[in-house]
Amino acid sequence: MTVQVPFDNTFAQLGPGFYRKQMPEPVVAPQLVAFNQDLARLLQVAPAEVSEMAEVFAGNRMLEGAEPLAQTYAGHQFGTFNPQLGDGRALLLGEVLGQDGRRYDIQLKGSGRTPFSRQGDGRAWLGPVLREYVISEAMHALGVPTTRALAAVTTGETVWREGGMPGAVLTRVAASHLRVGTFQLFAAHGRTAELKQLTDYAIARHYPQAEGPLGLLRSVRDAQVGLIAAWMSVGFIHGVMNTDNCSISGETIDYGPCAFMDTYRAEQVFSSIDRTGRYAYANQPSIAVWNLAQLATALIQQLDDPQEAVEEATAIIHAMPSLIEAEWLRLFRRKLGLLSMESGDLDLVSDLLQLMAEGQADFTNTFCALSEGRAAGEFQDPAAFQSWQQRWMQRRAEEPDPEAVMRASNPVYIPRNHRIEEMIAAAVSGDFTMFHRLNTVLASPYLRQPDQDDLLRPPMPDEVVKATFCGT
């Protein structure tokens, strides 16, 4: 029995201006670490023997129907525009139609050099591969739109970063890999015909109800509104919200220096390369607006009279902050067990977050404790919390079943940073027990599970992760 993937490729038909064809570079000794059976069923991917899957998902064996290519794009990186980027260590193998009728990309990350690698080796080391596998699957279970992980393979080779690290390849699945930066590439170089072609393709693939470039802009805006609010509701910090990491489909993409907050701090930053706090937790809504403004600037370049469209595009973007706030408030209401809307709800949520910041309360555990009626112990000043709690109890008194709403909105388990680091350290030594354990527990994040209480614990002082890294 061989691995079977029912490829049905469309991006490859757009033409060479959108990509460069590239075969993966074979590796010495691939070993399968993980294969996502549930996702494989959705994609109608038929598995095979472990050894063959290791060859396939390392890039050593090319499947029938695959058309490997490196996508090209541009992007603003920390606010500075780079007119030529592209997949420097990733190859799109092709697309499949899932059992749900949706189209998905299947991509290898860490499969070797491409024409866009610049001075890089095109490889990935084991840590970032396992981090993305665990966190992307955890995000899916949390209900946050995200790319997903189909497989992880070790390569038997050494990747050199700050030292020698074991090499690995991730197989990533996405609704597509179209980014804001993909549109910026063609707009920046005046390639209007390809910009129009890309716009039509994005509409047909993701938003068939959208009418023209501005209809696409509005649809992408709405998808990003939902995504950013969802990030905020689970305490997630992306870390590198560059426009080349902003997906047109509205999925979380590129899990580099990302992290979940432990102690609540609105200004929390984890990324080792974010020295100014541009992508801090509280800045994510405004950065999403900034990114979409760059998409608007690119999209209108294809119109006969761009100036005529500026007013409408501006209105679409200017509506975004209030839309994010409304969705953010809806999700945080649910975290407090509230389905109805009242005028004082924003103050109620904001005051709680302020108390959490002042009391150095753990973000996830505090909301989980609220669900279980034991939150006072999460605060350094229980009296201040109890004053807020009285307001909250009065507010939710008329709600039909607040406890059920809260249990469905407040995860018990998240991929805590210190546990991710513990998992990576063990895996580098050849022990994947923690990797598999995290995947199992995080698949049911809203359900308290027996014998897993250690995964609830915030880090001890010597376990605090102060910075996370891209790993490229």
Protein backbone atom coordinates (compact mmCIF):
# COMPACT_ATOMS: atom_id res chain seq x y z
CA MET A 1 0.00 0.00 0.00
CA THR A 2 1.30 3.44 -0.93
CA VAL A 3 0.47 6.94 0.28
CA GLN A 4 -2.31 8.33 -1.90
CA VAL A 5 -3.13 12.04 -2.13
CA PRO A 6 -5.93 13.09 -4.53
CA PHE A 7 -4.25 16.25 -5.84
CA ASP A 8 -6.41 18.76 -7.71
CA ASN A 9 -4.09 21.70 -8.33
CA THR A 10 -5.21 25.19 -9.35
CA PHE A 11 -2.54 27.58 -8.09
CA ALA A 12 0.05 25.96 -10.35
CA GLN A 13 -2.11 26.92 -13.32
CA LEU A 14 -1.72 30.65 -12.64
CA GLY A 15 1.65 30.78 -14.33
CA PRO A 16 5.34 31.16 -13.53
CA GLY A 17 4.98 34.75 -12.32
CA PHE A 18 3.38 33.40 -9.15
CA TYR A 19 5.99 30.79 -8.21
CA ARG A 20 9.14 28.91 -9.09
CA LYS A 21 9.04 25.18 -9.64
CA GLN A 22 11.33 23.38 -7.24
CA MET A 23 11.84 19.80 -6.10
CA PRO A 24 12.55 19.09 -2.41
CA GLU A 25 16.11 18.22 -1.46
CA PRO A 26 16.27 14.58 -0.25
CA VAL A 27 17.36 13.91 3.32
CA VAL A 28 19.58 11.17 4.67
CA ALA A 29 17.42 9.16 7.10
CA PRO A 30 13.80 10.30 7.47
CA GLN A 31 11.84 9.01 10.46
CA LEU A 32 8.12 9.66 10.97
CA VAL A 33 7.42 11.40 14.28
CA ALA A 34 3.70 12.05 13.86
CA PHE A 35 0.93 11.60 11.31
CA ASN A 36 -2.43 13.31 11.85
CA GLN A 37 -5.00 10.61 11.13
CA ASP A 38 -8.04 12.83 11.66
CA LEU A 39 -6.76 15.49 9.28
CA ALA A 40 -5.74 12.83 6.76
CA ARG A 41 -9.31 11.53 6.67
CA LEU A 42 -10.62 15.05 6.04
CA LEU A 43 -8.15 15.47 3.19
CA GLN A 44 -8.89 11.99 1.82
CA VAL A 45 -5.20 11.15 2.14
CA ALA A 46 -4.64 7.41 2.36
CA PRO A 47 -1.75 6.50 4.70
CA ALA A 48 0.74 3.70 4.16
CA GLU A 49 3.59 1.98 5.97
CA VAL A 50 5.44 4.24 8.39
CA SER A 51 8.69 4.03 6.45
CA GLU A 52 7.02 5.12 3.21
CA MET A 53 5.22 8.00 4.89
CA ALA A 54 8.55 9.16 6.28
CA GLU A 55 9.96 9.21 2.73
CA VAL A 56 6.94 11.06 1.35
CA PHE A 57 6.65 13.70 4.08
CA ALA A 58 10.39 14.35 4.10
CA GLY A 59 10.26 15.10 0.38
CA ASN A 60 12.36 12.09 -0.62
CA ARG A 61 9.55 10.52 -2.65
CA MET A 62 7.27 12.60 -4.85
CA LEU A 63 3.64 11.58 -5.11
CA GLU A 64 1.75 11.28 -8.36
CA GLY A 65 -0.08 14.52 -9.12
CA ALA A 66 2.16 16.73 -6.97
CA GLU A 67 3.54 19.89 -8.57
CA PRO A 68 6.08 21.20 -6.04
CA LEU A 69 6.65 24.94 -6.18
CA ALA A 70 7.85 27.85 -4.06
CA GLN A 71 5.39 30.74 -3.95
CA THR A 72 6.59 34.29 -4.47
CA TYR A 73 5.40 37.31 -2.49
CA ALA A 74 6.51 40.58 -0.96
CA GLY A 75 5.73 42.04 2.45
CA HIS A 76 6.16 44.60 5.18
CA GLN A 77 8.42 43.16 7.86
CA PHE A 78 8.19 45.16 11.10
CA GLY A 79 6.88 48.06 9.01
CA THR A 80 9.63 48.02 6.39
CA PHE A 81 8.63 46.96 2.88
CA ASN A 82 10.60 44.21 1.15
CA PRO A 83 9.53 44.02 -2.52
CA GLN A 84 10.78 40.48 -3.05
CA LEU A 85 10.28 37.63 -0.62
CA GLY A 86 8.97 34.12 -1.18
CA ASP A 87 9.01 30.61 0.24
CA GLY A 88 12.61 30.22 1.32
CA ARG A 89 12.19 26.84 3.03
CA ALA A 90 8.74 25.67 1.98
CA LEU A 91 7.27 23.97 -1.06
CA LEU A 92 3.61 23.71 -2.01
CA LEU A 93 3.11 20.11 -3.15
CA GLY A 94 -0.42 20.74 -4.40
CA GLU A 95 -4.05 20.98 -3.38
CA VAL A 96 -6.79 18.54 -2.44
CA LEU A 97 -10.54 18.76 -2.09
CA GLY A 98 -11.50 17.63 1.40
CA GLN A 99 -14.48 15.59 2.44
CA ASP A 100 -16.08 18.89 3.48
CA GLY A 101 -15.89 20.18 -0.10
CA ARG A 102 -13.23 22.76 0.74
CA ARG A 103 -9.88 23.14 -1.01
CA TYR A 104 -6.65 22.73 0.97
CA ASP A 105 -2.95 23.30 0.26
CA ILE A 106 -0.44 20.66 1.32
CA GLN A 107 3.00 22.16 1.90
CA LEU A 108 6.38 20.92 3.11
CA LYS A 109 8.33 23.22 5.47
CA GLY A 110 12.04 22.61 5.84
CA SER A 111 12.40 20.74 2.56
CA GLY A 112 15.53 22.52 1.32
CA ARG A 113 16.68 25.54 -0.64
CA THR A 114 14.44 27.40 -3.07
CA PRO A 115 15.10 30.35 -5.37
CA PHE A 116 13.93 32.56 -2.46
CA SER A 117 16.22 31.13 0.24
CA ARG A 118 18.77 33.94 -0.14
CA GLN A 119 21.61 32.89 2.19
CA GLY A 120 19.50 30.35 4.08
CA ASP A 121 19.74 26.57 3.97
CA GLY A 122 16.00 26.02 3.42
CA ARG A 123 15.89 23.61 6.34
CA ALA A 124 14.05 23.53 9.66
CA TRP A 125 15.24 22.16 12.95
CA LEU A 126 13.14 19.95 15.17
CA GLY A 127 12.08 22.56 17.76
CA PRO A 128 10.09 24.91 15.48
CA VAL A 129 8.57 21.94 13.64
CA LEU A 130 7.21 20.40 16.85
CA ARG A 131 6.16 23.82 18.17
CA GLU A 132 4.09 24.49 15.05
CA TYR A 133 2.62 20.98 15.07
CA VAL A 134 1.46 21.22 18.68
CA ILE A 135 0.30 24.85 18.68
CA SER A 136 -1.49 24.79 15.32
CA GLU A 137 -3.41 21.66 16.28
CA ALA A 138 -4.17 23.17 19.70
CA MET A 139 -5.50 26.30 18.00
CA HIS A 140 -7.74 24.16 15.81
CA ALA A 141 -9.15 22.43 18.89
CA LEU A 142 -9.69 25.83 20.53
CA GLY A 143 -11.81 26.84 17.54
CA VAL A 144 -9.38 29.47 16.23
CA PRO A 145 -8.96 29.54 12.41
CA THR A 146 -5.54 28.11 11.66
CA THR A 147 -3.29 26.18 9.36
CA ARG A 148 -2.86 22.61 10.53
CA ALA A 149 -0.20 19.92 10.76
CA LEU A 150 -0.47 16.68 8.79
CA ALA A 151 2.92 15.15 9.57
CA ALA A 152 6.31 15.71 11.20
CA VAL A 153 9.47 13.90 10.15
CA THR A 154 13.04 13.96 11.43
CA THR A 155 15.67 14.00 8.70
CA GLY A 156 18.73 12.35 10.25
CA GLU A 157 20.69 15.49 9.39
CA THR A 158 22.08 18.36 11.43
CA VAL A 159 20.76 21.89 10.93
CA TRP A 160 23.08 24.68 12.05
CA ARG A 161 21.57 27.62 13.90
CA GLU A 162 23.14 28.81 17.16
CA GLY A 163 24.57 25.31 17.20
CA GLY A 164 23.92 21.94 15.64
CA MET A 165 20.27 20.88 15.86
CA PRO A 166 18.40 17.80 14.58
CA GLY A 167 16.69 18.54 11.27
CA ALA A 168 12.97 18.04 10.63
CA VAL A 169 10.25 18.66 8.05
CA LEU A 170 6.66 19.70 8.77
CA THR A 171 3.75 19.01 6.44
CA ARG A 172 1.42 22.00 6.75
CA VAL A 173 -2.17 22.23 5.54
CA ALA A 174 -3.88 25.55 4.79
CA ALA A 175 -6.99 26.83 3.07
CA SER A 176 -4.38 28.51 0.88
CA HIS A 177 -1.05 30.24 1.26
CA LEU A 178 -2.20 33.50 -0.32
CA ARG A 179 -1.04 36.44 1.78
CA VAL A 180 -1.40 40.20 1.84
CA GLY A 181 2.20 40.16 0.62
CA THR A 182 1.20 38.15 -2.46
CA PHE A 183 -0.91 41.08 -3.65
CA GLN A 184 1.77 43.57 -2.62
CA LEU A 185 4.30 41.86 -4.88
CA PHE A 186 2.35 42.52 -8.08
CA ALA A 187 1.15 45.97 -7.03
CA ALA A 188 4.66 47.14 -6.12
CA HIS A 189 6.08 46.06 -9.48
CA GLY A 190 3.19 47.40 -11.54
CA ARG A 191 2.20 43.92 -12.73
CA THR A 192 -1.46 44.80 -13.06
CA ALA A 193 -2.52 41.84 -15.21
CA GLU A 194 -1.20 39.36 -12.65
CA LEU A 195 -2.72 41.40 -9.82
CA LYS A 196 -6.12 41.10 -11.50
CA GLN A 197 -5.54 37.39 -12.09
CA LEU A 198 -4.65 36.88 -8.42
CA THR A 199 -7.70 38.86 -7.27
CA ASP A 200 -10.04 36.76 -9.41
CA TYR A 201 -8.39 33.58 -8.14
CA ALA A 202 -8.65 34.61 -4.48
CA ILE A 203 -12.33 35.51 -4.90
CA ALA A 204 -13.16 32.23 -6.64
CA ARG A 205 -11.25 30.17 -4.08
CA HIS A 206 -12.21 31.89 -0.83
CA TYR A 207 -15.02 34.42 -1.23
CA PRO A 208 -17.18 33.64 -4.29
CA GLN A 209 -19.82 36.06 -3.01
CA ALA A 210 -17.39 39.00 -3.18
CA GLU A 211 -17.73 41.47 -6.01
CA GLY A 212 -14.47 42.81 -7.38
CA PRO A 213 -11.34 43.98 -5.55
CA LEU A 214 -13.21 45.99 -2.93
CA GLY A 215 -15.56 43.10 -2.27
CA LEU A 216 -12.50 40.94 -1.67
CA LEU A 217 -11.07 43.58 0.67
CA ARG A 218 -14.28 43.63 2.69
CA SER A 219 -14.35 39.81 2.92
CA VAL A 220 -10.71 39.56 4.02
CA ARG A 221 -11.32 42.31 6.57
CA ASP A 222 -14.22 40.41 8.10
CA ALA A 223 -12.21 37.19 8.25
CA GLN A 224 -9.34 38.98 9.98
CA VAL A 225 -11.77 40.60 12.44
CA GLY A 226 -12.86 37.16 13.61
CA LEU A 227 -9.31 35.86 13.74
CA ILE A 228 -7.83 38.68 15.81
CA ALA A 229 -10.68 38.65 18.31
CA ALA A 230 -10.24 34.88 18.68
CA TRP A 231 -6.51 35.32 19.34
CA MET A 232 -7.23 37.87 22.03
CA SER A 233 -9.85 35.66 23.69
CA VAL A 234 -7.36 32.84 24.33
CA GLY A 235 -4.37 35.04 25.19
CA PHE A 236 -2.45 34.22 22.02
CA ILE A 237 0.37 36.42 20.72
CA HIS A 238 1.44 35.78 17.13
CA GLY A 239 4.74 37.58 17.38
CA VAL A 240 5.41 38.39 13.70
CA MET A 241 2.32 39.97 12.15
CA ASN A 242 4.16 41.01 9.00
CA THR A 243 2.01 41.35 5.90
CA ASP A 244 3.61 38.22 4.44
CA ASN A 245 2.26 36.39 7.51
CA CYS A 246 -1.28 37.76 7.07
CA SER A 247 -3.40 35.12 5.35
CA ILE A 248 -6.15 36.09 2.90
CA SER A 249 -8.23 33.15 4.15
CA GLY A 250 -8.27 34.49 7.72
CA GLU A 251 -6.25 31.63 9.20
CA THR A 252 -3.39 31.86 11.68
CA ILE A 253 -0.26 31.17 9.67
CA ASP A 254 3.47 30.88 10.47
CA TYR A 255 3.96 29.85 14.09
CA GLY A 256 7.39 31.33 14.67
CA PRO A 257 7.97 33.27 17.90
CA CYS A 258 4.36 32.86 19.01
CA ALA A 259 3.23 32.20 22.58
CA PHE A 260 0.27 32.13 24.96
CA MET A 261 0.25 34.51 27.90
CA ASP A 262 0.60 33.19 31.41
CA THR A 263 0.32 36.29 33.65
CA TYR A 264 -1.97 38.80 31.97
CA ARG A 265 -0.10 41.81 30.61
CA ALA A 266 -1.59 43.85 27.78
CA GLU A 267 1.90 44.87 26.62
CA GLN A 268 3.26 41.31 26.66
CA VAL A 269 5.84 40.53 23.94
CA PHE A 270 7.61 37.21 23.41
CA SER A 271 9.27 37.51 20.01
CA SER A 272 13.03 37.93 20.35
CA ILE A 273 13.07 40.14 17.24
CA ASP A 274 10.24 42.47 18.32
CA ARG A 275 12.37 44.98 20.18
CA THR A 276 9.81 47.83 20.11
CA GLY A 277 6.69 45.87 21.05
CA ARG A 278 5.11 46.42 17.63
CA TYR A 279 3.36 43.06 17.82
CA ALA A 280 2.53 43.03 21.55
CA TYR A 281 -0.69 41.36 22.67
CA ALA A 282 -2.71 44.58 22.90
CA ASN A 283 -1.36 45.91 19.60
CA GLN A 284 -2.62 43.01 17.50
CA PRO A 285 -5.97 44.63 16.56
CA SER A 286 -4.32 47.85 15.35
CA ILE A 287 -1.66 45.92 13.43
CA ALA A 288 -4.38 43.90 11.69
CA VAL A 289 -5.95 47.17 10.58
CA TRP A 290 -2.56 48.40 9.35
CA ASN A 291 -2.01 45.17 7.40
CA LEU A 292 -5.42 45.41 5.74
CA ALA A 293 -4.68 49.00 4.76
CA GLN A 294 -1.67 47.65 2.86
CA LEU A 295 -3.94 45.13 1.12
CA ALA A 296 -6.31 47.95 0.17
CA THR A 297 -3.41 49.95 -1.27
CA ALA A 298 -2.39 46.96 -3.39
CA LEU A 299 -5.87 45.97 -4.55
CA ILE A 300 -6.91 49.37 -5.88
CA GLN A 301 -3.88 49.51 -8.18
CA GLN A 302 -5.73 47.27 -10.66
CA LEU A 303 -8.72 49.60 -11.02
CA ASP A 304 -9.07 51.94 -13.98
CA ASP A 305 -9.38 54.91 -11.64
CA PRO A 306 -7.72 54.04 -8.31
CA GLN A 307 -8.50 57.46 -6.84
CA GLU A 308 -12.20 56.80 -7.30
CA ALA A 309 -11.93 53.70 -5.10
CA VAL A 310 -9.90 55.32 -2.33
CA GLU A 311 -12.94 56.64 -0.47
CA GLU A 312 -14.72 53.26 -0.42
CA ALA A 313 -11.54 51.38 0.49
CA THR A 314 -10.87 53.87 3.28
CA ALA A 315 -14.36 53.36 4.67
CA ILE A 316 -13.88 49.58 4.64
CA ILE A 317 -10.64 49.86 6.61
CA HIS A 318 -11.88 52.58 8.97
CA ALA A 319 -14.77 50.31 10.00
CA MET A 320 -12.36 47.60 11.11
CA PRO A 321 -11.43 48.79 14.63
CA SER A 322 -15.04 48.97 15.76
CA LEU A 323 -15.76 45.56 14.19
CA ILE A 324 -12.84 44.00 16.05
CA GLU A 325 -13.94 45.58 19.31
CA ALA A 326 -17.49 44.31 18.85
CA GLU A 327 -16.32 40.75 18.15
CA TRP A 328 -13.77 40.96 20.98
CA LEU A 329 -16.52 42.03 23.37
CA ARG A 330 -18.84 39.26 22.15
CA LEU A 331 -16.18 36.64 22.87
CA PHE A 332 -15.24 38.09 26.26
CA ARG A 333 -18.91 38.31 27.19
CA ARG A 334 -19.12 34.59 26.55
CA LYS A 335 -16.05 34.05 28.73
CA LEU A 336 -18.12 35.64 31.51
CA GLY A 337 -21.20 33.57 30.68
CA LEU A 338 -23.09 36.42 29.00
CA LEU A 339 -25.05 36.01 25.78
CA SER A 340 -27.16 39.16 26.01
CA MET A 341 -25.77 42.67 25.50
CA GLU A 342 -25.87 45.54 27.96
CA SER A 343 -24.22 48.94 27.82
CA GLY A 344 -21.92 48.37 30.80
CA ASP A 345 -20.37 45.16 29.50
CA LEU A 346 -17.25 46.78 28.08
CA ASP A 347 -16.46 48.33 31.46
CA LEU A 348 -17.15 45.01 33.18
CA VAL A 349 -14.65 43.15 30.99
CA SER A 350 -12.08 45.95 31.02
CA ASP A 351 -12.20 46.25 34.80
CA LEU A 352 -11.60 42.52 35.20
CA LEU A 353 -8.59 42.65 32.89
CA GLN A 354 -7.24 45.61 34.84
CA LEU A 355 -7.60 43.65 38.09
CA MET A 356 -5.85 40.71 36.48
CA ALA A 357 -2.96 42.92 35.38
CA GLU A 358 -2.64 44.55 38.81
CA GLY A 359 -2.90 41.20 40.57
CA GLN A 360 -0.58 39.35 38.17
CA ALA A 361 -3.29 36.80 37.55
CA ASP A 362 -2.86 33.97 35.08
CA PHE A 363 -5.01 34.66 31.99
CA THR A 364 -6.21 31.13 31.24
CA ASN A 365 -6.51 29.90 34.81
CA THR A 366 -8.44 32.99 35.93
CA PHE A 367 -11.18 32.57 33.35
CA CYS A 368 -11.25 28.83 33.97
CA ALA A 369 -11.59 29.49 37.70
CA LEU A 370 -14.45 31.91 37.02
CA SER A 371 -16.21 29.04 35.26
CA GLU A 372 -15.74 26.87 38.34
CA GLY A 373 -16.58 29.52 40.97
CA ARG A 374 -13.14 29.71 42.60
CA ALA A 375 -11.48 32.72 41.00
CA ALA A 376 -10.71 34.74 44.15
CA GLY A 377 -7.60 32.66 44.75
CA GLU A 378 -6.12 33.84 41.43
CA PHE A 379 -5.76 37.43 42.69
CA GLN A 380 -3.22 38.98 45.03
CA ASP A 381 -5.99 41.27 46.34
CA PRO A 382 -9.11 39.06 46.73
CA ALA A 383 -11.13 41.97 48.16
CA ALA A 384 -10.79 43.95 44.94
CA PHE A 385 -11.90 40.92 42.96
CA GLN A 386 -14.89 40.32 45.21
CA SER A 387 -16.12 43.86 44.57
CA TRP A 388 -15.98 43.20 40.83
CA GLN A 389 -17.54 39.78 41.33
CA GLN A 390 -20.65 41.30 42.88
CA ARG A 391 -21.19 43.40 39.76
CA TRP A 392 -20.63 40.38 37.57
CA MET A 393 -23.05 38.15 39.48
CA GLN A 394 -25.76 40.81 39.24
CA ARG A 395 -25.15 41.16 35.52
CA ARG A 396 -25.37 37.44 34.76
CA ALA A 397 -28.36 36.76 37.03
CA GLU A 398 -30.79 36.84 34.09
CA GLU A 399 -28.68 34.63 31.81
CA PRO A 400 -30.25 31.19 31.19
CA ASP A 401 -27.17 28.96 31.61
CA PRO A 402 -24.00 31.03 32.19
CA GLU A 403 -21.96 28.09 33.50
CA ALA A 404 -22.42 26.12 30.27
CA VAL A 405 -21.50 29.15 28.17
CA MET A 406 -18.35 29.71 30.22
CA ARG A 407 -17.26 26.08 30.06
CA ALA A 408 -17.51 26.22 26.27
CA SER A 409 -15.60 29.53 26.08
CA ASN A 410 -12.76 29.14 28.59
CA PRO A 411 -10.16 26.48 27.86
CA VAL A 412 -8.71 24.45 30.69
CA TYR A 413 -5.56 23.64 28.74
CA ILE A 414 -3.38 25.73 26.45
CA PRO A 415 0.09 24.96 25.07
CA ARG A 416 1.98 26.74 27.82
CA ASN A 417 5.37 28.07 26.81
CA HIS A 418 7.39 26.27 29.46
CA ARG A 419 5.76 22.96 28.55
CA ILE A 420 6.51 23.54 24.88
CA GLU A 421 10.15 24.17 25.76
CA GLU A 422 10.19 21.06 27.95
CA MET A 423 8.73 19.06 25.05
CA ILE A 424 11.34 20.36 22.61
CA ALA A 425 14.25 19.66 24.96
CA ALA A 426 13.05 16.08 25.46
CA ALA A 427 12.52 15.54 21.72
CA VAL A 428 16.01 16.78 20.89
CA SER A 429 17.23 14.00 23.20
CA GLY A 430 15.04 11.49 21.35
CA ASP A 431 12.08 11.37 23.76
CA PHE A 432 8.77 12.30 22.11
CA THR A 433 6.57 11.33 25.07
CA MET A 434 5.72 14.93 25.98
CA PHE A 435 5.05 15.81 22.35
CA HIS A 436 2.44 13.06 22.03
CA ARG A 437 1.00 13.81 25.46
CA LEU A 438 0.47 17.49 24.64
CA ASN A 439 -1.21 16.63 21.36
CA THR A 440 -3.59 14.25 23.13
CA VAL A 441 -4.55 16.61 25.97
CA LEU A 442 -4.78 19.75 23.82
CA ALA A 443 -7.15 18.00 21.42
CA SER A 444 -9.85 18.50 24.12
CA PRO A 445 -8.88 21.85 25.65
CA TYR A 446 -12.24 22.65 27.24
CA LEU A 447 -12.50 19.35 29.12
CA ARG A 448 -10.76 18.81 32.45
CA GLN A 449 -8.89 15.53 32.09
CA PRO A 450 -7.73 13.09 34.79
CA ASP A 451 -4.07 13.15 35.81
CA GLN A 452 -3.24 16.22 33.70
CA ASP A 453 -3.27 18.92 36.39
CA ASP A 454 0.44 19.59 35.95
CA LEU A 455 -0.35 21.04 32.51
CA LEU A 456 -2.52 23.70 34.19
CA ARG A 457 0.32 25.07 36.27
CA PRO A 458 1.85 28.41 35.29
CA PRO A 459 5.64 28.42 35.12
CA MET A 460 7.77 28.65 38.21
CA PRO A 461 10.16 31.64 38.23
CA ASP A 462 12.98 29.57 36.74
CA GLU A 463 10.65 28.20 34.02
CA VAL A 464 9.38 31.51 32.66
CA VAL A 465 9.92 31.80 28.90
CA LYS A 466 10.91 35.41 28.26
CA ALA A 467 11.58 35.17 24.52
CA THR A 468 10.66 32.89 21.63
CA PHE A 469 12.47 32.57 18.32
CA CYS A 470 11.69 32.10 14.63
CA GLY A 471 14.05 29.17 14.21
CA THR A 472 14.84 30.06 10.60
